Amino acid sequence: VAFYLSANAGEDLKPLSKVASGGELARIMLAIKSALAHK
């Protein structure tokens, strides 16, 4: 499984590990944990 991200309008989806800033990584981790919290 690979996560792909485009954080800004007009940018192509690219591998998360290559394009996410530290702040974006923190929020993505929190979003994943939140999305899966009920499971």
ModelCIF file with pLDDT and N, C-alpha, C, O atoms, coordinates in Angstrom:
data_MODEL
#
_entry.id   MODEL 
#
_entity.id                         1 
_entity.type                       polymer 
_entity.pdbx_number_of_molecules   1 
#
_entity_poly.entity_id                      1 
_entity_poly.type                           'polypeptide(L)' 
_entity_poly.nstd_linkage                   no 
_entity_poly.nstd_monomer                   no 
_entity_poly.pdbx_seq_one_letter_code       VAFYLSANAGEDLKPLSKVASGGELARIMLAIKSALAHK 
_entity_poly.pdbx_seq_one_letter_code_can   VAFYLSANAGEDLKPLSKVASGGELARIMLAIKSALAHK 
_entity_poly.pdbx_strand_id                 A 
#
loop_
_entity_poly_seq.entity_id 
_entity_poly_seq.num 
_entity_poly_seq.mon_id 
_entity_poly_seq.hetero 
1 1  VAL n 
1 2  ALA n 
1 3  PHE n 
1 4  TYR n 
1 5  LEU n 
1 6  SER n 
1 7  ALA n 
1 8  ASN n 
1 9  ALA n 
1 10 GLY n 
1 11 GLU n 
1 12 ASP n 
1 13 LEU n 
1 14 LYS n 
1 15 PRO n 
1 16 LEU n 
1 17 SER n 
1 18 LYS n 
1 19 VAL n 
1 20 ALA n 
1 21 SER n 
1 22 GLY n 
1 23 GLY n 
1 24 GLU n 
1 25 LEU n 
1 26 ALA n 
1 27 ARG n 
1 28 ILE n 
1 29 MET n 
1 30 LEU n 
1 31 ALA n 
1 32 ILE n 
1 33 LYS n 
1 34 SER n 
1 35 ALA n 
1 36 LEU n 
1 37 ALA n 
1 38 HIS n 
1 39 LYS n 
#
_struct_asym.id          A 
_struct_asym.entity_id   1 
#
loop_
_ma_qa_metric.id 
_ma_qa_metric.mode 
_ma_qa_metric.name 
_ma_qa_metric.software_group_id 
_ma_qa_metric.type 
1 global pLDDT . pLDDT 
2 local  pLDDT . pLDDT 
#
_ma_qa_metric_global.metric_id      1 
_ma_qa_metric_global.metric_value   89.97 
_ma_qa_metric_global.model_id       1 
_ma_qa_metric_global.ordinal_id     1 
#
loop_
_ma_qa_metric_local.label_asym_id 
_ma_qa_metric_local.label_comp_id 
_ma_qa_metric_local.label_seq_id 
_ma_qa_metric_local.metric_id 
_ma_qa_metric_local.metric_value 
_ma_qa_metric_local.model_id 
_ma_qa_metric_local.ordinal_id 
A VAL 1  2 92.00 1 1  
A ALA 2  2 94.00 1 2  
A PHE 3  2 95.00 1 3  
A TYR 4  2 96.00 1 4  
A LEU 5  2 94.00 1 5  
A SER 6  2 94.00 1 6  
A ALA 7  2 89.00 1 7  
A ASN 8  2 86.00 1 8  
A ALA 9  2 85.00 1 9  
A GLY 10 2 88.00 1 10 
A GLU 11 2 90.00 1 11 
A ASP 12 2 93.00 1 12 
A LEU 13 2 95.00 1 13 
A LYS 14 2 95.00 1 14 
A PRO 15 2 95.00 1 15 
A LEU 16 2 93.00 1 16 
A SER 17 2 90.00 1 17 
A LYS 18 2 92.00 1 18 
A VAL 19 2 91.00 1 19 
A ALA 20 2 89.00 1 20 
A SER 21 2 86.00 1 21 
A GLY 22 2 83.00 1 22 
A GLY 23 2 82.00 1 23 
A GLU 24 2 87.00 1 24 
A LEU 25 2 88.00 1 25 
A ALA 26 2 86.00 1 26 
A ARG 27 2 89.00 1 27 
A ILE 28 2 91.00 1 28 
A MET 29 2 89.00 1 29 
A LEU 30 2 91.00 1 30 
A ALA 31 2 93.00 1 31 
A ILE 32 2 92.00 1 32 
A LYS 33 2 89.00 1 33 
A SER 34 2 91.00 1 34 
A ALA 35 2 92.00 1 35 
A LEU 36 2 90.00 1 36 
A ALA 37 2 85.00 1 37 
A HIS 38 2 83.00 1 38 
A LYS 39 2 86.00 1 39 
#
loop_
_atom_site.group_PDB 
_atom_site.id 
_atom_site.type_symbol 
_atom_site.label_atom_id 
_atom_site.label_alt_id 
_atom_site.label_comp_id 
_atom_site.label_asym_id 
_atom_site.label_entity_id 
_atom_site.label_seq_id 
_atom_site.pdbx_PDB_ins_code 
_atom_site.Cartn_x 
_atom_site.Cartn_y 
_atom_site.Cartn_z 
_atom_site.occupancy 
_atom_site.B_iso_or_equiv 
_atom_site.pdbx_formal_charge 
_atom_site.auth_seq_id 
_atom_site.auth_comp_id 
_atom_site.auth_asym_id 
_atom_site.auth_atom_id 
_atom_site.pdbx_PDB_model_num 
ATOM 1   N N  . VAL A 1 1  ? 0.858   -1.185 0.000   1.00 92.00 ? 1  VAL A N  1 
ATOM 2   C CA . VAL A 1 1  ? 0.000   0.000  0.000   1.00 92.00 ? 1  VAL A CA 1 
ATOM 3   C C  . VAL A 1 1  ? 0.890   1.230  0.000   1.00 92.00 ? 1  VAL A C  1 
ATOM 4   O O  . VAL A 1 1  ? 1.855   1.307  0.761   1.00 92.00 ? 1  VAL A O  1 
ATOM 5   N N  . ALA A 1 2  ? 0.568   2.182  -0.846  1.00 94.00 ? 2  ALA A N  1 
ATOM 6   C CA . ALA A 1 2  ? 1.292   3.453  -0.874  1.00 94.00 ? 2  ALA A CA 1 
ATOM 7   C C  . ALA A 1 2  ? 0.266   4.577  -0.802  1.00 94.00 ? 2  ALA A C  1 
ATOM 8   O O  . ALA A 1 2  ? -0.800  4.510  -1.414  1.00 94.00 ? 2  ALA A O  1 
ATOM 9   N N  . PHE A 1 3  ? 0.608   5.597  -0.052  1.00 95.00 ? 3  PHE A N  1 
ATOM 10  C CA . PHE A 1 3  ? -0.240  6.779  0.049   1.00 95.00 ? 3  PHE A CA 1 
ATOM 11  C C  . PHE A 1 3  ? 0.289   7.836  -0.910  1.00 95.00 ? 3  PHE A C  1 
ATOM 12  O O  . PHE A 1 3  ? 1.495   8.071  -0.992  1.00 95.00 ? 3  PHE A O  1 
ATOM 13  N N  . TYR A 1 4  ? -0.628  8.468  -1.632  1.00 96.00 ? 4  TYR A N  1 
ATOM 14  C CA . TYR A 1 4  ? -0.290  9.537  -2.562  1.00 96.00 ? 4  TYR A CA 1 
ATOM 15  C C  . TYR A 1 4  ? -1.013  10.806 -2.136  1.00 96.00 ? 4  TYR A C  1 
ATOM 16  O O  . TYR A 1 4  ? -2.148  10.769 -1.661  1.00 96.00 ? 4  TYR A O  1 
ATOM 17  N N  . LEU A 1 5  ? -0.325  11.932 -2.317  1.00 94.00 ? 5  LEU A N  1 
ATOM 18  C CA . LEU A 1 5  ? -0.837  13.190 -1.807  1.00 94.00 ? 5  LEU A CA 1 
ATOM 19  C C  . LEU A 1 5  ? -0.587  14.322 -2.790  1.00 94.00 ? 5  LEU A C  1 
ATOM 20  O O  . LEU A 1 5  ? 0.446   14.381 -3.458  1.00 94.00 ? 5  LEU A O  1 
ATOM 21  N N  . SER A 1 6  ? -1.561  15.216 -2.858  1.00 94.00 ? 6  SER A N  1 
ATOM 22  C CA . SER A 1 6  ? -1.378  16.531 -3.458  1.00 94.00 ? 6  SER A CA 1 
ATOM 23  C C  . SER A 1 6  ? -1.951  17.503 -2.438  1.00 94.00 ? 6  SER A C  1 
ATOM 24  O O  . SER A 1 6  ? -3.167  17.570 -2.257  1.00 94.00 ? 6  SER A O  1 
ATOM 25  N N  . ALA A 1 7  ? -1.090  18.250 -1.777  1.00 89.00 ? 7  ALA A N  1 
ATOM 26  C CA . ALA A 1 7  ? -1.530  19.149 -0.704  1.00 89.00 ? 7  ALA A CA 1 
ATOM 27  C C  . ALA A 1 7  ? -2.027  20.488 -1.247  1.00 89.00 ? 7  ALA A C  1 
ATOM 28  O O  . ALA A 1 7  ? -2.733  21.219 -0.551  1.00 89.00 ? 7  ALA A O  1 
ATOM 29  N N  . ASN A 1 8  ? -1.663  20.807 -2.477  1.00 86.00 ? 8  ASN A N  1 
ATOM 30  C CA . ASN A 1 8  ? -1.999  22.117 -3.044  1.00 86.00 ? 8  ASN A CA 1 
ATOM 31  C C  . ASN A 1 8  ? -2.704  21.958 -4.380  1.00 86.00 ? 8  ASN A C  1 
ATOM 32  O O  . ASN A 1 8  ? -2.394  21.061 -5.163  1.00 86.00 ? 8  ASN A O  1 
ATOM 33  N N  . ALA A 1 9  ? -3.660  22.847 -4.624  1.00 85.00 ? 9  ALA A N  1 
ATOM 34  C CA . ALA A 1 9  ? -4.387  22.831 -5.890  1.00 85.00 ? 9  ALA A CA 1 
ATOM 35  C C  . ALA A 1 9  ? -3.403  22.935 -7.057  1.00 85.00 ? 9  ALA A C  1 
ATOM 36  O O  . ALA A 1 9  ? -2.434  23.692 -7.004  1.00 85.00 ? 9  ALA A O  1 
ATOM 37  N N  . GLY A 1 10 ? -3.670  22.165 -8.103  1.00 88.00 ? 10 GLY A N  1 
ATOM 38  C CA . GLY A 1 10 ? -2.835  22.216 -9.299  1.00 88.00 ? 10 GLY A CA 1 
ATOM 39  C C  . GLY A 1 10 ? -1.633  21.291 -9.274  1.00 88.00 ? 10 GLY A C  1 
ATOM 40  O O  . GLY A 1 10 ? -0.931  21.165 -10.278 1.00 88.00 ? 10 GLY A O  1 
ATOM 41  N N  . GLU A 1 11 ? -1.387  20.650 -8.158  1.00 90.00 ? 11 GLU A N  1 
ATOM 42  C CA . GLU A 1 11 ? -0.252  19.722 -8.054  1.00 90.00 ? 11 GLU A CA 1 
ATOM 43  C C  . GLU A 1 11 ? -0.727  18.300 -8.322  1.00 90.00 ? 11 GLU A C  1 
ATOM 44  O O  . GLU A 1 11 ? -1.839  17.929 -7.945  1.00 90.00 ? 11 GLU A O  1 
ATOM 45  N N  . ASP A 1 12 ? 0.117   17.507 -8.972  1.00 93.00 ? 12 ASP A N  1 
ATOM 46  C CA . ASP A 1 12 ? -0.203  16.101 -9.217  1.00 93.00 ? 12 ASP A CA 1 
ATOM 47  C C  . ASP A 1 12 ? -0.046  15.304 -7.927  1.00 93.00 ? 12 ASP A C  1 
ATOM 48  O O  . ASP A 1 12 ? 0.714   15.677 -7.033  1.00 93.00 ? 12 ASP A O  1 
ATOM 49  N N  . LEU A 1 13 ? -0.779  14.203 -7.855  1.00 95.00 ? 13 LEU A N  1 
ATOM 50  C CA . LEU A 1 13 ? -0.596  13.270 -6.742  1.00 95.00 ? 13 LEU A CA 1 
ATOM 51  C C  . LEU A 1 13 ? 0.787   12.651 -6.842  1.00 95.00 ? 13 LEU A C  1 
ATOM 52  O O  . LEU A 1 13 ? 1.201   12.192 -7.906  1.00 95.00 ? 13 LEU A O  1 
ATOM 53  N N  . LYS A 1 14 ? 1.489   12.645 -5.732  1.00 95.00 ? 14 LYS A N  1 
ATOM 54  C CA . LYS A 1 14 ? 2.832   12.062 -5.675  1.00 95.00 ? 14 LYS A CA 1 
ATOM 55  C C  . LYS A 1 14 ? 2.948   11.260 -4.391  1.00 95.00 ? 14 LYS A C  1 
ATOM 56  O O  . LYS A 1 14 ? 2.134   11.437 -3.484  1.00 95.00 ? 14 LYS A O  1 
ATOM 57  N N  . PRO A 1 15 ? 3.948   10.376 -4.290  1.00 95.00 ? 15 PRO A N  1 
ATOM 58  C CA . PRO A 1 15 ? 4.100   9.582  -3.066  1.00 95.00 ? 15 PRO A CA 1 
ATOM 59  C C  . PRO A 1 15 ? 4.218   10.489 -1.837  1.00 95.00 ? 15 PRO A C  1 
ATOM 60  O O  . PRO A 1 15 ? 5.001   11.438 -1.815  1.00 95.00 ? 15 PRO A O  1 
ATOM 61  N N  . LEU A 1 16 ? 3.433   10.174 -0.837  1.00 93.00 ? 16 LEU A N  1 
ATOM 62  C CA . LEU A 1 16 ? 3.408   10.955 0.397   1.00 93.00 ? 16 LEU A CA 1 
ATOM 63  C C  . LEU A 1 16 ? 4.814   11.162 0.962   1.00 93.00 ? 16 LEU A C  1 
ATOM 64  O O  . LEU A 1 16 ? 5.153   12.257 1.412   1.00 93.00 ? 16 LEU A O  1 
ATOM 65  N N  . SER A 1 17 ? 5.617   10.120 0.936   1.00 90.00 ? 17 SER A N  1 
ATOM 66  C CA . SER A 1 17 ? 6.961   10.194 1.507   1.00 90.00 ? 17 SER A CA 1 
ATOM 67  C C  . SER A 1 17 ? 7.865   11.186 0.784   1.00 90.00 ? 17 SER A C  1 
ATOM 68  O O  . SER A 1 17 ? 8.878   11.620 1.332   1.00 90.00 ? 17 SER A O  1 
ATOM 69  N N  . LYS A 1 18 ? 7.501   11.543 -0.442  1.00 92.00 ? 18 LYS A N  1 
ATOM 70  C CA . LYS A 1 18 ? 8.339   12.454 -1.241  1.00 92.00 ? 18 LYS A CA 1 
ATOM 71  C C  . LYS A 1 18 ? 7.894   13.909 -1.163  1.00 92.00 ? 18 LYS A C  1 
ATOM 72  O O  . LYS A 1 18 ? 8.698   14.810 -1.400  1.00 92.00 ? 18 LYS A O  1 
ATOM 73  N N  . VAL A 1 19 ? 6.601   14.159 -0.828  1.00 91.00 ? 19 VAL A N  1 
ATOM 74  C CA . VAL A 1 19 ? 6.097   15.524 -0.973  1.00 91.00 ? 19 VAL A CA 1 
ATOM 75  C C  . VAL A 1 19 ? 5.547   16.158 0.301   1.00 91.00 ? 19 VAL A C  1 
ATOM 76  O O  . VAL A 1 19 ? 5.380   17.377 0.345   1.00 91.00 ? 19 VAL A O  1 
ATOM 77  N N  . ALA A 1 20 ? 5.264   15.378 1.330   1.00 89.00 ? 20 ALA A N  1 
ATOM 78  C CA . ALA A 1 20 ? 4.616   15.945 2.519   1.00 89.00 ? 20 ALA A CA 1 
ATOM 79  C C  . ALA A 1 20 ? 5.622   16.642 3.425   1.00 89.00 ? 20 ALA A C  1 
ATOM 80  O O  . ALA A 1 20 ? 6.710   16.129 3.689   1.00 89.00 ? 20 ALA A O  1 
ATOM 81  N N  . SER A 1 21 ? 5.231   17.824 3.895   1.00 86.00 ? 21 SER A N  1 
ATOM 82  C CA . SER A 1 21 ? 6.045   18.549 4.880   1.00 86.00 ? 21 SER A CA 1 
ATOM 83  C C  . SER A 1 21 ? 5.818   17.920 6.253   1.00 86.00 ? 21 SER A C  1 
ATOM 84  O O  . SER A 1 21 ? 4.948   17.064 6.416   1.00 86.00 ? 21 SER A O  1 
ATOM 85  N N  . GLY A 1 22 ? 6.599   18.346 7.229   1.00 83.00 ? 22 GLY A N  1 
ATOM 86  C CA . GLY A 1 22 ? 6.435   17.837 8.591   1.00 83.00 ? 22 GLY A CA 1 
ATOM 87  C C  . GLY A 1 22 ? 5.050   18.105 9.145   1.00 83.00 ? 22 GLY A C  1 
ATOM 88  O O  . GLY A 1 22 ? 4.442   17.228 9.758   1.00 83.00 ? 22 GLY A O  1 
ATOM 89  N N  . GLY A 1 23 ? 4.549   19.314 8.931   1.00 82.00 ? 23 GLY A N  1 
ATOM 90  C CA . GLY A 1 23 ? 3.209   19.651 9.402   1.00 82.00 ? 23 GLY A CA 1 
ATOM 91  C C  . GLY A 1 23 ? 2.139   18.850 8.696   1.00 82.00 ? 23 GLY A C  1 
ATOM 92  O O  . GLY A 1 23 ? 1.159   18.441 9.318   1.00 82.00 ? 23 GLY A O  1 
ATOM 93  N N  . GLU A 1 24 ? 2.312   18.620 7.406   1.00 87.00 ? 24 GLU A N  1 
ATOM 94  C CA . GLU A 1 24 ? 1.349   17.812 6.657   1.00 87.00 ? 24 GLU A CA 1 
ATOM 95  C C  . GLU A 1 24 ? 1.389   16.362 7.132   1.00 87.00 ? 24 GLU A C  1 
ATOM 96  O O  . GLU A 1 24 ? 0.341   15.736 7.291   1.00 87.00 ? 24 GLU A O  1 
ATOM 97  N N  . LEU A 1 25 ? 2.584   15.824 7.358   1.00 88.00 ? 25 LEU A N  1 
ATOM 98  C CA . LEU A 1 25 ? 2.683   14.450 7.852   1.00 88.00 ? 25 LEU A CA 1 
ATOM 99  C C  . LEU A 1 25 ? 1.972   14.285 9.188   1.00 88.00 ? 25 LEU A C  1 
ATOM 100 O O  . LEU A 1 25 ? 1.284   13.289 9.414   1.00 88.00 ? 25 LEU A O  1 
ATOM 101 N N  . ALA A 1 26 ? 2.141   15.269 10.078  1.00 86.00 ? 26 ALA A N  1 
ATOM 102 C CA . ALA A 1 26 ? 1.492   15.198 11.381  1.00 86.00 ? 26 ALA A CA 1 
ATOM 103 C C  . ALA A 1 26 ? -0.021  15.176 11.218  1.00 86.00 ? 26 ALA A C  1 
ATOM 104 O O  . ALA A 1 26 ? -0.701  14.370 11.853  1.00 86.00 ? 26 ALA A O  1 
ATOM 105 N N  . ARG A 1 27 ? -0.548  16.043 10.382  1.00 89.00 ? 27 ARG A N  1 
ATOM 106 C CA . ARG A 1 27 ? -1.993  16.102 10.190  1.00 89.00 ? 27 ARG A CA 1 
ATOM 107 C C  . ARG A 1 27 ? -2.521  14.862 9.472   1.00 89.00 ? 27 ARG A C  1 
ATOM 108 O O  . ARG A 1 27 ? -3.624  14.402 9.768   1.00 89.00 ? 27 ARG A O  1 
ATOM 109 N N  . ILE A 1 28 ? -1.755  14.321 8.542   1.00 91.00 ? 28 ILE A N  1 
ATOM 110 C CA . ILE A 1 28 ? -2.182  13.106 7.842   1.00 91.00 ? 28 ILE A CA 1 
ATOM 111 C C  . ILE A 1 28 ? -2.243  11.941 8.816   1.00 91.00 ? 28 ILE A C  1 
ATOM 112 O O  . ILE A 1 28 ? -3.186  11.150 8.779   1.00 91.00 ? 28 ILE A O  1 
ATOM 113 N N  . MET A 1 29 ? -1.248  11.828 9.685   1.00 89.00 ? 29 MET A N  1 
ATOM 114 C CA . MET A 1 29 ? -1.265  10.755 10.691  1.00 89.00 ? 29 MET A CA 1 
ATOM 115 C C  . MET A 1 29 ? -2.483  10.893 11.593  1.00 89.00 ? 29 MET A C  1 
ATOM 116 O O  . MET A 1 29 ? -3.153  9.904  11.892  1.00 89.00 ? 29 MET A O  1 
ATOM 117 N N  . LEU A 1 30 ? -2.768  12.105 12.024  1.00 91.00 ? 30 LEU A N  1 
ATOM 118 C CA . LEU A 1 30 ? -3.925  12.343 12.875  1.00 91.00 ? 30 LEU A CA 1 
ATOM 119 C C  . LEU A 1 30 ? -5.218  12.045 12.118  1.00 91.00 ? 30 LEU A C  1 
ATOM 120 O O  . LEU A 1 30 ? -6.155  11.491 12.694  1.00 91.00 ? 30 LEU A O  1 
ATOM 121 N N  . ALA A 1 31 ? -5.280  12.402 10.849  1.00 93.00 ? 31 ALA A N  1 
ATOM 122 C CA . ALA A 1 31 ? -6.467  12.113 10.033  1.00 93.00 ? 31 ALA A CA 1 
ATOM 123 C C  . ALA A 1 31 ? -6.672  10.610 9.870   1.00 93.00 ? 31 ALA A C  1 
ATOM 124 O O  . ALA A 1 31 ? -7.799  10.124 9.954   1.00 93.00 ? 31 ALA A O  1 
ATOM 125 N N  . ILE A 1 32 ? -5.591  9.879  9.639   1.00 92.00 ? 32 ILE A N  1 
ATOM 126 C CA . ILE A 1 32 ? -5.693  8.417  9.503   1.00 92.00 ? 32 ILE A CA 1 
ATOM 127 C C  . ILE A 1 32 ? -6.184  7.806  10.811  1.00 92.00 ? 32 ILE A C  1 
ATOM 128 O O  . ILE A 1 32 ? -7.086  6.968  10.808  1.00 92.00 ? 32 ILE A O  1 
ATOM 129 N N  . LYS A 1 33 ? -5.596  8.218  11.917  1.00 89.00 ? 33 LYS A N  1 
ATOM 130 C CA . LYS A 1 33 ? -6.022  7.707  13.228  1.00 89.00 ? 33 LYS A CA 1 
ATOM 131 C C  . LYS A 1 33 ? -7.486  8.044  13.484  1.00 89.00 ? 33 LYS A C  1 
ATOM 132 O O  . LYS A 1 33 ? -8.232  7.220  14.013  1.00 89.00 ? 33 LYS A O  1 
ATOM 133 N N  . SER A 1 34 ? -7.896  9.252  13.111  1.00 91.00 ? 34 SER A N  1 
ATOM 134 C CA . SER A 1 34 ? -9.287  9.664  13.312  1.00 91.00 ? 34 SER A CA 1 
ATOM 135 C C  . SER A 1 34 ? -10.232 8.871  12.418  1.00 91.00 ? 34 SER A C  1 
ATOM 136 O O  . SER A 1 34 ? -11.305 8.456  12.856  1.00 91.00 ? 34 SER A O  1 
ATOM 137 N N  . ALA A 1 35 ? -9.836  8.662  11.168  1.00 92.00 ? 35 ALA A N  1 
ATOM 138 C CA . ALA A 1 35 ? -10.675 7.931  10.225  1.00 92.00 ? 35 ALA A CA 1 
ATOM 139 C C  . ALA A 1 35 ? -10.870 6.480  10.656  1.00 92.00 ? 35 ALA A C  1 
ATOM 140 O O  . ALA A 1 35 ? -11.914 5.883  10.393  1.00 92.00 ? 35 ALA A O  1 
ATOM 141 N N  . LEU A 1 36 ? -9.881  5.927  11.305  1.00 90.00 ? 36 LEU A N  1 
ATOM 142 C CA . LEU A 1 36 ? -9.942  4.519  11.719  1.00 90.00 ? 36 LEU A CA 1 
ATOM 143 C C  . LEU A 1 36 ? -10.350 4.334  13.175  1.00 90.00 ? 36 LEU A C  1 
ATOM 144 O O  . LEU A 1 36 ? -10.415 3.200  13.652  1.00 90.00 ? 36 LEU A O  1 
ATOM 145 N N  . ALA A 1 37 ? -10.625 5.415  13.890  1.00 85.00 ? 37 ALA A N  1 
ATOM 146 C CA . ALA A 1 37 ? -10.886 5.343  15.336  1.00 85.00 ? 37 ALA A CA 1 
ATOM 147 C C  . ALA A 1 37 ? -12.013 4.386  15.680  1.00 85.00 ? 37 ALA A C  1 
ATOM 148 O O  . ALA A 1 37 ? -11.928 3.661  16.671  1.00 85.00 ? 37 ALA A O  1 
ATOM 149 N N  . HIS A 1 38 ? -13.061 4.372  14.882  1.00 83.00 ? 38 HIS A N  1 
ATOM 150 C CA . HIS A 1 38 ? -14.206 3.512  15.189  1.00 83.00 ? 38 HIS A CA 1 
ATOM 151 C C  . HIS A 1 38 ? -13.891 2.030  14.976  1.00 83.00 ? 38 HIS A C  1 
ATOM 152 O O  . HIS A 1 38 ? -14.598 1.169  15.498  1.00 83.00 ? 38 HIS A O  1 
ATOM 153 N N  . LYS A 1 39 ? -12.843 1.728  14.218  1.00 86.00 ? 39 LYS A N  1 
ATOM 154 C CA . LYS A 1 39 ? -12.446 0.336  13.979  1.00 86.00 ? 39 LYS A CA 1 
ATOM 155 C C  . LYS A 1 39 ? -11.269 -0.088 14.850  1.00 86.00 ? 39 LYS A C  1 
ATOM 156 O O  . LYS A 1 39 ? -10.818 -1.230 14.765  1.00 86.00 ? 39 LYS A O  1 
#
